[in-house]
Amino acid sequence: MQDINRIRDLREDSDKTQAQVAKELGYQTTTYARWEQGYHDIKLKDALNIAQYYNVSLDYLAGRTNNKKGGIK
């Protein structure tokens, strides 16, 4: 579902570690790391949590738009 670079880039832009983001979202660090590395797909409910955390749209996470707030272009 997601563009793995988007998730990593959003985390890096926020100057946080995988462990910090995972803890704040209530996930295991290994789970978040595997999502970020593309080893596991993200379920919709988890993608929604990540999008809300970073204040971006699902379309942005999925790589369907470069507009963080949404709208396919």
N, C-alpha and C. Protein backbone atom coordinates (compact mmCIF):
# COMPACT_ATOMS: atom_id res chain seq x y z
N MET A 1 0.81 -1.20 0.00
CA MET A 1 0.00 0.00 0.00
C MET A 1 0.85 1.26 0.00
N GLN A 2 1.91 1.26 0.74
CA GLN A 2 2.66 2.49 0.93
C GLN A 2 3.90 2.55 0.07
N ASP A 3 4.38 3.73 -0.12
CA ASP A 3 5.69 3.95 -0.72
C ASP A 3 6.66 3.97 0.46
N ILE A 4 7.52 2.96 0.56
CA ILE A 4 8.35 2.83 1.75
C ILE A 4 9.26 4.03 1.96
N ASN A 5 9.70 4.65 0.91
CA ASN A 5 10.55 5.83 1.08
C ASN A 5 9.79 6.97 1.72
N ARG A 6 8.51 7.07 1.47
CA ARG A 6 7.71 8.14 2.08
C ARG A 6 7.72 8.02 3.59
N ILE A 7 7.52 6.82 4.09
CA ILE A 7 7.46 6.62 5.53
C ILE A 7 8.82 6.94 6.16
N ARG A 8 9.86 6.45 5.56
CA ARG A 8 11.21 6.73 6.07
C ARG A 8 11.50 8.22 6.01
N ASP A 9 11.19 8.83 4.87
CA ASP A 9 11.46 10.27 4.71
C ASP A 9 10.67 11.10 5.72
N LEU A 10 9.41 10.77 5.96
CA LEU A 10 8.62 11.49 6.94
C LEU A 10 9.23 11.37 8.33
N ARG A 11 9.68 10.17 8.66
CA ARG A 11 10.29 9.96 9.97
C ARG A 11 11.59 10.74 10.09
N GLU A 12 12.42 10.67 9.08
CA GLU A 12 13.68 11.40 9.10
C GLU A 12 13.46 12.90 9.15
N ASP A 13 12.46 13.38 8.41
CA ASP A 13 12.14 14.82 8.43
C ASP A 13 11.70 15.28 9.82
N SER A 14 11.14 14.35 10.60
CA SER A 14 10.70 14.71 11.95
C SER A 14 11.82 14.50 12.98
N ASP A 15 13.01 14.11 12.49
CA ASP A 15 14.18 13.89 13.35
C ASP A 15 13.91 12.89 14.47
N LYS A 16 13.24 11.79 14.11
CA LYS A 16 12.94 10.74 15.08
C LYS A 16 13.51 9.42 14.60
N THR A 17 13.73 8.53 15.57
CA THR A 17 14.19 7.19 15.24
C THR A 17 12.99 6.28 15.01
N GLN A 18 13.25 5.13 14.43
CA GLN A 18 12.18 4.14 14.26
C GLN A 18 11.60 3.76 15.61
N ALA A 19 12.45 3.62 16.61
CA ALA A 19 11.99 3.25 17.94
C ALA A 19 11.07 4.31 18.54
N GLN A 20 11.42 5.58 18.35
CA GLN A 20 10.59 6.66 18.88
C GLN A 20 9.21 6.66 18.24
N VAL A 21 9.17 6.58 16.91
CA VAL A 21 7.89 6.60 16.21
C VAL A 21 7.06 5.38 16.57
N ALA A 22 7.69 4.22 16.59
CA ALA A 22 6.98 2.99 16.93
C ALA A 22 6.36 3.10 18.32
N LYS A 23 7.11 3.59 19.28
CA LYS A 23 6.60 3.73 20.64
C LYS A 23 5.44 4.71 20.69
N GLU A 24 5.57 5.85 20.02
CA GLU A 24 4.51 6.86 20.03
C GLU A 24 3.23 6.35 19.38
N LEU A 25 3.38 5.46 18.39
CA LEU A 25 2.21 4.90 17.71
C LEU A 25 1.70 3.62 18.36
N GLY A 26 2.47 3.07 19.30
CA GLY A 26 2.05 1.86 19.99
C GLY A 26 2.39 0.57 19.27
N TYR A 27 3.44 0.59 18.45
CA TYR A 27 3.87 -0.60 17.72
C TYR A 27 5.23 -1.05 18.24
N GLN A 28 5.55 -2.30 17.95
CA GLN A 28 6.90 -2.79 18.21
C GLN A 28 7.85 -2.14 17.21
N THR A 29 9.06 -1.87 17.65
CA THR A 29 10.05 -1.25 16.76
C THR A 29 10.30 -2.12 15.53
N THR A 30 10.36 -3.43 15.73
CA THR A 30 10.62 -4.32 14.59
C THR A 30 9.49 -4.26 13.56
N THR A 31 8.26 -4.13 14.04
CA THR A 31 7.12 -4.01 13.13
C THR A 31 7.24 -2.76 12.28
N TYR A 32 7.48 -1.64 12.94
CA TYR A 32 7.61 -0.38 12.20
C TYR A 32 8.79 -0.43 11.24
N ALA A 33 9.91 -0.99 11.68
CA ALA A 33 11.09 -1.09 10.83
C ALA A 33 10.81 -1.95 9.59
N ARG A 34 10.09 -3.03 9.77
CA ARG A 34 9.76 -3.91 8.63
C ARG A 34 8.84 -3.22 7.64
N TRP A 35 7.91 -2.39 8.14
CA TRP A 35 7.07 -1.61 7.24
C TRP A 35 7.93 -0.64 6.45
N GLU A 36 8.80 0.04 7.17
CA GLU A 36 9.63 1.06 6.54
C GLU A 36 10.57 0.45 5.49
N GLN A 37 11.04 -0.74 5.76
CA GLN A 37 11.96 -1.41 4.85
C GLN A 37 11.25 -2.18 3.75
N GLY A 38 9.92 -2.24 3.82
CA GLY A 38 9.15 -2.92 2.79
C GLY A 38 9.04 -4.41 2.94
N TYR A 39 9.41 -4.94 4.11
CA TYR A 39 9.33 -6.38 4.34
C TYR A 39 7.91 -6.85 4.62
N HIS A 40 7.06 -5.94 5.12
CA HIS A 40 5.67 -6.27 5.42
C HIS A 40 4.77 -5.16 4.91
N ASP A 41 3.61 -5.55 4.39
CA ASP A 41 2.61 -4.57 3.98
C ASP A 41 1.94 -3.99 5.22
N ILE A 42 1.50 -2.76 5.09
CA ILE A 42 0.82 -2.09 6.19
C ILE A 42 -0.69 -2.27 6.02
N LYS A 43 -1.34 -2.73 7.07
CA LYS A 43 -2.80 -2.83 7.04
C LYS A 43 -3.39 -1.42 6.99
N LEU A 44 -4.59 -1.34 6.46
CA LEU A 44 -5.25 -0.04 6.30
C LEU A 44 -5.34 0.72 7.61
N LYS A 45 -5.74 0.07 8.69
CA LYS A 45 -5.88 0.76 9.98
C LYS A 45 -4.54 1.31 10.45
N ASP A 46 -3.46 0.60 10.18
CA ASP A 46 -2.14 1.07 10.57
C ASP A 46 -1.67 2.20 9.67
N ALA A 47 -1.99 2.12 8.38
CA ALA A 47 -1.66 3.21 7.46
C ALA A 47 -2.40 4.49 7.86
N LEU A 48 -3.65 4.33 8.29
CA LEU A 48 -4.41 5.49 8.78
C LEU A 48 -3.74 6.12 10.00
N ASN A 49 -3.27 5.28 10.92
CA ASN A 49 -2.57 5.78 12.10
C ASN A 49 -1.30 6.53 11.72
N ILE A 50 -0.55 5.98 10.79
CA ILE A 50 0.69 6.61 10.36
C ILE A 50 0.40 7.93 9.65
N ALA A 51 -0.58 7.93 8.78
CA ALA A 51 -0.95 9.16 8.07
C ALA A 51 -1.38 10.24 9.04
N GLN A 52 -2.17 9.87 10.02
CA GLN A 52 -2.63 10.84 11.02
C GLN A 52 -1.44 11.35 11.84
N TYR A 53 -0.55 10.47 12.22
CA TYR A 53 0.63 10.84 13.02
C TYR A 53 1.47 11.89 12.29
N TYR A 54 1.69 11.66 11.00
CA TYR A 54 2.51 12.59 10.20
C TYR A 54 1.69 13.71 9.57
N ASN A 55 0.38 13.69 9.77
CA ASN A 55 -0.51 14.70 9.22
C ASN A 55 -0.42 14.77 7.69
N VAL A 56 -0.50 13.58 7.07
CA VAL A 56 -0.48 13.47 5.62
C VAL A 56 -1.65 12.59 5.17
N SER A 57 -1.95 12.61 3.89
CA SER A 57 -3.04 11.79 3.37
C SER A 57 -2.56 10.37 3.06
N LEU A 58 -3.52 9.47 2.96
CA LEU A 58 -3.19 8.11 2.53
C LEU A 58 -2.66 8.10 1.10
N ASP A 59 -3.20 8.97 0.26
CA ASP A 59 -2.71 9.08 -1.12
C ASP A 59 -1.23 9.43 -1.13
N TYR A 60 -0.82 10.29 -0.24
CA TYR A 60 0.60 10.66 -0.16
C TYR A 60 1.43 9.46 0.28
N LEU A 61 0.98 8.76 1.33
CA LEU A 61 1.72 7.58 1.79
C LEU A 61 1.83 6.53 0.70
N ALA A 62 0.77 6.38 -0.08
CA ALA A 62 0.75 5.36 -1.13
C ALA A 62 1.53 5.78 -2.37
N GLY A 63 2.01 7.01 -2.39
CA GLY A 63 2.77 7.48 -3.54
C GLY A 63 1.90 7.90 -4.71
N ARG A 64 0.61 8.11 -4.46
CA ARG A 64 -0.31 8.49 -5.53
C ARG A 64 -0.29 9.98 -5.81
N THR A 65 0.28 10.76 -4.89
CA THR A 65 0.38 12.19 -5.06
C THR A 65 1.61 12.70 -4.32
N ASN A 66 2.10 13.84 -4.72
CA ASN A 66 3.19 14.48 -3.99
C ASN A 66 2.67 15.55 -3.05
N ASN A 67 1.35 15.73 -3.05
CA ASN A 67 0.71 16.70 -2.17
C ASN A 67 0.43 15.99 -0.84
N LYS A 68 1.10 16.43 0.22
CA LYS A 68 0.97 15.75 1.51
C LYS A 68 -0.45 15.74 2.05
N LYS A 69 -1.26 16.72 1.67
CA LYS A 69 -2.62 16.80 2.20
C LYS A 69 -3.63 16.03 1.35
N GLY A 70 -3.20 15.48 0.24
CA GLY A 70 -4.10 14.67 -0.58
C GLY A 70 -4.39 15.27 -1.92
N GLY A 71 -5.29 14.64 -2.61
CA GLY A 71 -5.63 15.07 -3.96
C GLY A 71 -4.69 14.49 -4.97
N ILE A 72 -5.20 13.66 -5.81
CA ILE A 72 -4.38 12.99 -6.82
C ILE A 72 -4.14 13.94 -7.97
N LYS A 73 -2.87 14.04 -8.37
CA LYS A 73 -2.49 14.91 -9.48
C LYS A 73 -1.61 14.17 -10.45
